C-alpha atoms as a PDB file:
ATOM      1  CA  MET A   1      -0.092  -0.025   0.033  1.00  0.00           C
ATOM      2  CA  THR A   2       3.067   2.242   0.098  1.00  0.00           C
ATOM      3  CA  PHE A   3       6.077   3.267  -1.845  1.00  0.00           C
ATOM      4  CA  SER A   4       8.789   5.420   0.104  1.00  0.00           C
ATOM      5  CA  LEU A   5      12.492   6.371   0.416  1.00  0.00           C
ATOM      6  CA  VAL A   6      15.107   7.420   2.962  1.00  0.00           C
ATOM      7  CA  ALA A   7      17.787   9.554   2.054  1.00  0.00           C
ATOM      8  CA  ARG A   8      20.679  11.732   2.963  1.00  0.00           C
ATOM      9  CA  CYS A   9      22.226  15.170   1.668  1.00  0.00           C
ATOM     10  CA  ALA A  10      26.277  14.364   1.649  1.00  0.00           C
ATOM     11  CA  GLU A  11      26.765  17.902   1.257  1.00  0.00           C
ATOM     12  CA  THR A  12      24.685  19.008   4.297  1.00  0.00           C
ATOM     13  CA  GLY A  13      24.074  15.949   6.430  1.00  0.00           C
ATOM     14  CA  MET A  14      20.305  16.425   6.181  1.00  0.00           C
ATOM     15  CA  PHE A  15      18.273  13.277   6.395  1.00  0.00           C
ATOM     16  CA  GLY A  16      14.866  12.759   4.932  1.00  0.00           C
ATOM     17  CA  VAL A  17      11.897  10.631   4.293  1.00  0.00           C
ATOM     18  CA  ALA A  18       9.195  10.694   1.344  1.00  0.00           C
ATOM     19  CA  ILE A  19       6.561   8.422   1.377  1.00  0.00           C
ATOM     20  CA  SER A  20       2.886   8.033  -0.295  1.00  0.00           C
ATOM     21  CA  SER A  21       0.039   5.362   0.057  1.00  0.00           C
ATOM     22  CA  SER A  22      -3.516   4.589  -0.644  1.00  0.00           C
ATOM     23  CA  SER A  23      -3.958   4.750   3.008  1.00  0.00           C
ATOM     24  CA  PRO A  24      -4.677   7.850   5.002  1.00  0.00           C
ATOM     25  CA  ALA A  25      -2.229   9.781   6.725  1.00  0.00           C
ATOM     26  CA  VAL A  26       0.775   7.527   5.843  1.00  0.00           C
ATOM     27  CA  ALA A  27       3.482  10.106   6.639  1.00  0.00           C
ATOM     28  CA  ALA A  28       2.007  10.447  10.111  1.00  0.00           C
ATOM     29  CA  ARG A  29       2.464   6.679  10.803  1.00  0.00           C
ATOM     30  CA  CYS A  30       5.589   5.623   8.974  1.00  0.00           C
ATOM     31  CA  SER A  31       8.204   8.647   8.755  1.00  0.00           C
ATOM     32  CA  PHE A  32      11.004   8.948  11.356  1.00  0.00           C
ATOM     33  CA  VAL A  33      14.183  11.397  11.545  1.00  0.00           C
ATOM     34  CA  ARG A  34      16.762  12.263  13.741  1.00  0.00           C
ATOM     35  CA  ALA A  35      19.573  14.841  13.407  1.00  0.00           C
ATOM     36  CA  GLY A  36      23.099  13.549  12.947  1.00  0.00           C
ATOM     37  CA  VAL A  37      21.535   9.823  13.148  1.00  0.00           C
ATOM     38  CA  GLY A  38      19.456   8.974  10.297  1.00  0.00           C
ATOM     39  CA  ALA A  39      16.167   8.450   8.874  1.00  0.00           C
ATOM     40  CA  VAL A  40      13.725   5.307   8.984  1.00  0.00           C
ATOM     41  CA  ALA A  41      10.370   4.350   7.203  1.00  0.00           C
ATOM     42  CA  SER A  42       8.371   1.700   8.763  1.00  0.00           C
ATOM     43  CA  GLN A  43       5.657   0.438   6.677  1.00  0.00           C
ATOM     44  CA  ASN A  44       3.765  -2.167   4.941  1.00  0.00           C
ATOM     45  CA  VAL A  45       1.594  -3.613   7.985  1.00  0.00           C
ATOM     46  CA  THR A  46       2.823  -0.634   9.855  1.00  0.00           C
ATOM     47  CA  ASP A  47       4.475  -0.750  13.593  1.00  0.00           C
ATOM     48  CA  PRO A  48       5.423   2.989  14.249  1.00  0.00           C
ATOM     49  CA  ARG A  49       7.440   1.694  17.074  1.00  0.00           C
ATOM     50  CA  LEU A  50       9.839   0.430  14.885  1.00  0.00           C
ATOM     51  CA  GLY A  51      11.155   3.680  13.592  1.00  0.00           C
ATOM     52  CA  PRO A  52      12.165   5.192  16.825  1.00  0.00           C
ATOM     53  CA  PHE A  53      13.682   1.799  17.924  1.00  0.00           C
ATOM     54  CA  ALA A  54      15.866   1.782  14.742  1.00  0.00           C
ATOM     55  CA  LEU A  55      17.208   5.293  15.288  1.00  0.00           C
ATOM     56  CA  ASP A  56      17.792   4.533  19.060  1.00  0.00           C
ATOM     57  CA  LEU A  57      20.128   1.810  17.764  1.00  0.00           C
ATOM     58  CA  MET A  58      21.935   4.031  15.080  1.00  0.00           C
ATOM     59  CA  GLN A  59      22.206   6.569  17.790  1.00  0.00           C
ATOM     60  CA  GLY A  60      23.931   3.806  20.137  1.00  0.00           C
ATOM     61  CA  GLY A  61      26.700   3.366  17.345  1.00  0.00           C
ATOM     62  CA  MET A  62      25.088   0.728  15.169  1.00  0.00           C
ATOM     63  CA  SER A  63      25.184   1.035  11.461  1.00  0.00           C
ATOM     64  CA  ALA A  64      22.029   1.043   9.446  1.00  0.00           C
ATOM     65  CA  ALA A  65      22.411  -2.735   8.681  1.00  0.00           C
ATOM     66  CA  GLU A  66      23.090  -3.389  12.172  1.00  0.00           C
ATOM     67  CA  ALA A  67      19.860  -1.521  13.245  1.00  0.00           C
ATOM     68  CA  VAL A  68      17.776  -3.210  10.823  1.00  0.00           C
ATOM     69  CA  ALA A  69      19.134  -6.736  12.033  1.00  0.00           C
ATOM     70  CA  GLY A  70      18.403  -5.427  15.448  1.00  0.00           C
ATOM     71  CA  VAL A  71      14.685  -4.613  14.460  1.00  0.00           C
ATOM     72  CA  ARG A  72      14.445  -8.306  12.849  1.00  0.00           C
ATOM     73  CA  ALA A  73      15.813  -9.863  15.802  1.00  0.00           C
ATOM     74  CA  GLN A  74      13.704  -8.090  18.443  1.00  0.00           C
ATOM     75  CA  ALA A  75      10.682  -6.579  17.040  1.00  0.00           C
ATOM     76  CA  GLN A  76       7.441  -8.878  16.946  1.00  0.00           C
ATOM     77  CA  HIS A  77       5.712  -9.972  13.572  1.00  0.00           C
ATOM     78  CA  VAL A  78       8.580  -9.087  11.461  1.00  0.00           C
ATOM     79  CA  ALA A  79       7.440 -11.064   8.531  1.00  0.00           C
ATOM     80  CA  TYR A  80       4.582  -8.164   8.195  1.00  0.00           C
ATOM     81  CA  ARG A  81       7.098  -5.272   8.265  1.00  0.00           C
ATOM     82  CA  GLN A  82       9.094  -3.466   5.807  1.00  0.00           C
ATOM     83  CA  VAL A  83      11.735  -1.241   7.219  1.00  0.00           C
ATOM     84  CA  LEU A  84      14.202   1.084   5.582  1.00  0.00           C
ATOM     85  CA  ALA A  85      17.051   2.903   7.074  1.00  0.00           C
ATOM     86  CA  ILE A  86      20.073   5.296   6.694  1.00  0.00           C
ATOM     87  CA  ASP A  87      22.381   6.272   8.735  1.00  0.00           C
ATOM     88  CA  ALA A  88      24.908   8.952   9.379  1.00  0.00           C
ATOM     89  CA  LYS A  89      27.359   7.827   6.943  1.00  0.00           C
ATOM     90  CA  GLY A  90      24.848   7.308   4.157  1.00  0.00           C
ATOM     91  CA  THR A  91      24.869   3.801   4.304  1.00  0.00           C
ATOM     92  CA  THR A  92      21.418   1.853   4.043  1.00  0.00           C
ATOM     93  CA  ALA A  93      19.591  -1.254   4.778  1.00  0.00           C
ATOM     94  CA  ILE A  94      16.065  -2.689   4.113  1.00  0.00           C
ATOM     95  CA  HIS A  95      13.966  -5.451   5.808  1.00  0.00           C
ATOM     96  CA  SER A  96      11.028  -6.619   3.584  1.00  0.00           C
ATOM     97  CA  GLY A  97       9.214  -9.497   5.651  1.00  0.00           C
ATOM     98  CA  MET A  98       7.695 -12.442   3.329  1.00  0.00           C
ATOM     99  CA  GLN A  99       4.176 -10.988   4.297  1.00  0.00           C
ATOM    100  CA  SER A 100       4.784  -7.810   2.537  1.00  0.00           C
ATOM    101  CA  LEU A 101       1.466  -7.125   0.694  1.00  0.00           C
ATOM    102  CA  GLY A 102       1.111  -7.844  -3.200  1.00  0.00           C
ATOM    103  CA  ILE A 103       3.944  -6.891  -5.464  1.00  0.00           C
ATOM    104  CA  TRP A 104       6.801  -5.626  -3.055  1.00  0.00           C
ATOM    105  CA  SER A 105      10.511  -4.575  -4.048  1.00  0.00           C
ATOM    106  CA  GLN A 106      13.262  -2.692  -2.753  1.00  0.00           C
ATOM    107  CA  ALA A 107      16.436  -0.861  -4.248  1.00  0.00           C
ATOM    108  CA  GLN A 108      19.502   0.830  -2.678  1.00  0.00           C
ATOM    109  CA  GLY A 109      21.655   3.509  -4.107  1.00  0.00           C
ATOM    110  CA  VAL A 110      24.267   6.107  -3.011  1.00  0.00           C
ATOM    111  CA  ASP A 111      22.752   7.831   0.036  1.00  0.00           C
ATOM    112  CA  VAL A 112      19.106   6.454  -0.543  1.00  0.00           C
ATOM    113  CA  ALA A 113      17.263   3.463  -0.318  1.00  0.00           C
ATOM    114  CA  SER A 114      13.617   2.802  -1.604  1.00  0.00           C
ATOM    115  CA  GLY A 115      11.032   0.017  -0.694  1.00  0.00           C
ATOM    116  CA  GLY A 116       7.345  -0.508  -1.679  1.00  0.00           C
ATOM    117  CA  ASN A 117       4.553  -3.014  -1.395  1.00  0.00           C
ATOM    118  CA  LEU A 118       1.203  -3.584  -3.316  1.00  0.00           C
ATOM    119  CA  LEU A 119       3.078  -1.864  -6.266  1.00  0.00           C
ATOM    120  CA  ALA A 120       2.051  -1.771 -10.008  1.00  0.00           C
ATOM    121  CA  ASN A 121       5.341  -3.635 -10.508  1.00  0.00           C
ATOM    122  CA  ASP A 122       8.554  -4.556  -8.834  1.00  0.00           C
ATOM    123  CA  GLY A 123      10.797  -1.438 -10.840  1.00  0.00           C
ATOM    124  CA  VAL A 124       9.245   1.211  -8.645  1.00  0.00           C
ATOM    125  CA  PRO A 125      11.661   1.227  -6.038  1.00  0.00           C
ATOM    126  CA  ALA A 126      14.667   1.239  -8.627  1.00  0.00           C
ATOM    127  CA  ALA A 127      13.018   4.081 -10.283  1.00  0.00           C
ATOM    128  CA  ILE A 128      12.791   6.028  -7.052  1.00  0.00           C
ATOM    129  CA  VAL A 129      16.523   5.313  -6.455  1.00  0.00           C
ATOM    130  CA  THR A 130      17.700   6.417 -10.026  1.00  0.00           C
ATOM    131  CA  GLY A 131      15.415   9.689  -9.646  1.00  0.00           C
ATOM    132  CA  PHE A 132      16.958  10.602  -6.756  1.00  0.00           C
ATOM    133  CA  GLU A 133      20.361   9.880  -7.970  1.00  0.00           C
ATOM    134  CA  ALA A 134      19.830  11.939 -11.098  1.00  0.00           C
ATOM    135  CA  SER A 135      18.524  14.921  -9.169  1.00  0.00           C
ATOM    136  CA  GLN A 136      20.334  18.184  -7.742  1.00  0.00           C
ATOM    137  CA  GLY A 137      19.547  20.764  -5.230  1.00  0.00           C
ATOM    138  CA  HIS A 138      18.106  20.806  -1.793  1.00  0.00           C
ATOM    139  CA  LEU A 139      17.177  17.285  -0.523  1.00  0.00           C
ATOM    140  CA  GLY A 140      13.708  18.320  -0.193  1.00  0.00           C
ATOM    141  CA  ASP A 141      13.433  18.864  -4.050  1.00  0.00           C
ATOM    142  CA  ARG A 142      15.518  15.418  -4.621  1.00  0.00           C
ATOM    143  CA  LEU A 143      13.109  13.463  -2.433  1.00  0.00           C
ATOM    144  CA  LEU A 144      10.137  14.798  -4.554  1.00  0.00           C
ATOM    145  CA  ALA A 145      11.788  14.105  -7.724  1.00  0.00           C
ATOM    146  CA  ALA A 146      12.363  10.601  -6.638  1.00  0.00           C
ATOM    147  CA  MET A 147       8.697  10.397  -5.760  1.00  0.00           C
ATOM    148  CA  PHE A 148       7.533  11.437  -8.928  1.00  0.00           C
ATOM    149  CA  ALA A 149       9.891   8.927 -10.711  1.00  0.00           C
ATOM    150  CA  GLY A 150       8.340   6.067  -8.732  1.00  0.00           C
ATOM    151  CA  LEU A 151       4.713   7.387  -9.616  1.00  0.00           C
ATOM    152  CA  ASP A 152       5.844   7.623 -13.424  1.00  0.00           C
ATOM    153  CA  GLN A 153       7.068   4.139 -13.134  1.00  0.00           C
ATOM    154  CA  GLY A 154       3.647   2.938 -11.979  1.00  0.00           C
ATOM    155  CA  GLY A 155       3.569   3.813  -8.258  1.00  0.00           C
ATOM    156  CA  GLU A 156       1.144   1.698  -6.202  1.00  0.00           C
ATOM    157  CA  ALA A 157      -1.037  -0.752  -7.703  1.00  0.00           C
ATOM    158  CA  GLY A 158      -4.163   1.566  -6.822  1.00  0.00           C
ATOM    159  CA  SER A 159      -4.573   5.232  -6.587  1.00  0.00           C
ATOM    160  CA  VAL A 160      -2.504   6.852  -3.836  1.00  0.00           C
ATOM    161  CA  HIS A 161      -4.253   9.125  -1.568  1.00  0.00           C
ATOM    162  CA  SER A 162      -1.935  10.405   0.905  1.00  0.00           C
ATOM    163  CA  ALA A 163       1.791  11.480   1.009  1.00  0.00           C
ATOM    164  CA  GLY A 164       4.576  13.244   2.941  1.00  0.00           C
ATOM    165  CA  ILE A 165       8.023  14.563   3.291  1.00  0.00           C
ATOM    166  CA  MET A 166      10.048  15.114   6.526  1.00  0.00           C
ATOM    167  CA  LEU A 167      13.365  16.718   6.770  1.00  0.00           C
ATOM    168  CA  VAL A 168      15.949  16.778   9.560  1.00  0.00           C
ATOM    169  CA  ASP A 169      18.871  19.155   9.688  1.00  0.00           C
ATOM    170  CA  LYS A 170      21.229  20.309  12.639  1.00  0.00           C
ATOM    171  CA  VAL A 171      18.427  21.127  14.934  1.00  0.00           C
ATOM    172  CA  PRO A 172      16.616  18.388  16.982  1.00  0.00           C
ATOM    173  CA  TRP A 173      13.217  18.677  15.381  1.00  0.00           C
ATOM    174  CA  ALA A 174      12.076  18.156  11.899  1.00  0.00           C
ATOM    175  CA  VAL A 175      12.747  21.291   9.804  1.00  0.00           C
ATOM    176  CA  ALA A 176      10.110  20.344   7.366  1.00  0.00           C
ATOM    177  CA  ASP A 177       7.255  17.886   8.011  1.00  0.00           C
ATOM    178  CA  LEU A 178       4.717  18.247   5.347  1.00  0.00           C
ATOM    179  CA  ARG A 179       1.820  15.932   4.846  1.00  0.00           C
ATOM    180  CA  CYS A 180      -1.251  15.447   2.453  1.00  0.00           C
ATOM    181  CA  ASP A 181      -3.587  12.996   4.881  1.00  0.00           C
ATOM    182  CA  TRP A 182      -6.083  12.498   2.350  1.00  0.00           C
ATOM    183  CA  THR A 183      -7.001  13.694  -1.370  1.00  0.00           C
ATOM    184  CA  LEU A 184      -8.736  12.279  -4.310  1.00  0.00           C
ATOM    185  CA  GLU A 185      -6.155  14.326  -6.107  1.00  0.00           C
ATOM    186  CA  CYS A 186      -2.523  13.178  -6.318  1.00  0.00           C
ATOM    187  CA  PRO A 187      -0.940  13.651  -2.818  1.00  0.00           C
ATOM    188  CA  ILE A 188       2.414  13.995  -4.146  1.00  0.00           C
ATOM    189  CA  GLN A 189       1.681  16.958  -5.975  1.00  0.00           C
ATOM    190  CA  THR A 190      -0.034  18.545  -3.160  1.00  0.00           C
ATOM    191  CA  VAL A 191       2.894  17.972  -1.047  1.00  0.00           C
ATOM    192  CA  ALA A 192       5.178  19.402  -3.607  1.00  0.00           C
ATOM    193  CA  ASP A 193       2.856  22.443  -3.884  1.00  0.00           C
ATOM    194  CA  ALA A 194       3.218  22.730  -0.026  1.00  0.00           C
ATOM    195  CA  TRP A 195       6.995  22.683  -0.116  1.00  0.00           C
ATOM    196  CA  ALA A 196       7.275  25.316  -2.877  1.00  0.00           C
ATOM    197  CA  VAL A 197       5.641  27.588  -0.392  1.00  0.00           C
ATOM    198  CA  TYR A 198       7.659  26.289   2.485  1.00  0.00           C
ATOM    199  CA  LYS A 199      11.193  25.763   1.283  1.00  0.00           C
ATOM    200  CA  PRO A 200      11.918  29.459   0.993  1.00  0.00           C
ATOM    201  CA  GLN A 201      10.836  29.879   4.616  1.00  0.00           C
ATOM    202  CA  LEU A 202      12.443  26.947   6.275  1.00  0.00           C
ATOM    203  CA  GLY A 203      15.623  28.753   7.429  1.00  0.00           C
ATOM    204  CA  ALA A 204      13.439  31.731   8.858  1.00  0.00           C
ATOM    205  CA  TYR A 205      11.371  29.210  10.916  1.00  0.00           C
ATOM    206  CA  VAL A 206      14.634  27.665  12.324  1.00  0.00           C
ATOM    207  CA  GLN A 207      16.003  31.069  13.018  1.00  0.00           C
ATOM    208  CA  ARG A 208      12.848  32.189  14.867  1.00  0.00           C
ATOM    209  CA  ALA A 209      13.309  29.277  17.138  1.00  0.00           C
ATOM    210  CA  LEU A 210      16.918  29.751  17.941  1.00  0.00           C
ATOM    211  CA  ASP A 211      17.031  33.733  18.191  1.00  0.00           C
ATOM    212  CA  PRO A 212      13.783  35.291  17.375  1.00  0.00           C
ATOM    213  CA  SER A 213      15.515  38.830  18.059  1.00  0.00           C
ATOM    214  CA  SER A 214      17.618  38.324  14.917  1.00  0.00           C
ATOM    215  CA  ALA A 215      15.145  36.345  12.847  1.00  0.00           C
ATOM    216  CA  PRO A 216      13.183  37.741   9.932  1.00  0.00           C
ATOM    217  CA  SER A 217      10.121  39.540  10.304  1.00  0.00           C
ATOM    218  CA  TYR A 218       6.966  37.198  10.727  1.00  0.00           C
ATOM    219  CA  GLY A 219       5.346  38.446   7.498  1.00  0.00           C
ATOM    220  CA  VAL A 220       2.108  39.386   9.306  1.00  0.00           C
ATOM    221  CA  PRO A 221       0.230  42.741   9.297  1.00  0.00           C
ATOM    222  CA  GLY A 222       1.919  45.169  11.517  1.00  0.00           C
ATOM    223  CA  ASP A 223       5.359  43.272  11.398  1.00  0.00           C
ATOM    224  CA  GLU A 224       6.353  43.851   8.001  1.00  0.00           C
END
C-alpha cells in the first residue's frame, strides 16, 4: 500500500523521508528522522514503534544494517514489516518481510534506499533510487523528484491518497514535516505545492526558534 525512500544529503548531512500510500495519513505513521543519526521508514502492516527503535540503535553506534538486523531480531511480527534505514554515513539497509503485501520490492543506491508494497510493478523502488541519484539541489527537491519518478514508473497498484516529506537538519526537530493526509487528487503533487511555499521560509522558521531577535519579520500585518 506504500512506496517510499529514505535519503541523506552528503553535502549538508540533512536526512529525509518521502512516502505515499492509498491509506490515509501514511506520513504520520511511517516517517522517522533524527538529526545526526539517520532516517527510517516503517511501513507495510505498520508498526510505528520500529522507527524510533531503529533510530535509537543507530544513535547508540550501530550502522543501518546493524539496526535493521536488530529490528529483525527483537521486533514482533517482522514477517509483516517493511523497514528502510539510512545512517549518518549514508549507508542503507532494508528489511522486507515475506508477508509484505502484493508486489513488493526494494532498491538501494548512493545515500538512498527505497521500498514498496502493493506496487504496480517491481521496478518502482529502482526508479525512485534512479530519480533521486539523477536529481540535484535541496534534499526536499530531490525527495519529491524521486517520488514522482516512482509514480511515473507506476507507483502503487491502486490510487494513492496520502503522502508526505520529513526533513531533519542540525536541530533536534524536523525542519520540514509536510503532509497530505487524504485527497482524491495526487497527494505527492499536493505535498510538492506545499514544499514550494515552505522551502523559502524553512531557514527563517529555524532562526525564529534559535534566536527570534535576529530572525526575519513574521510577514504578518503590523510586522512587515
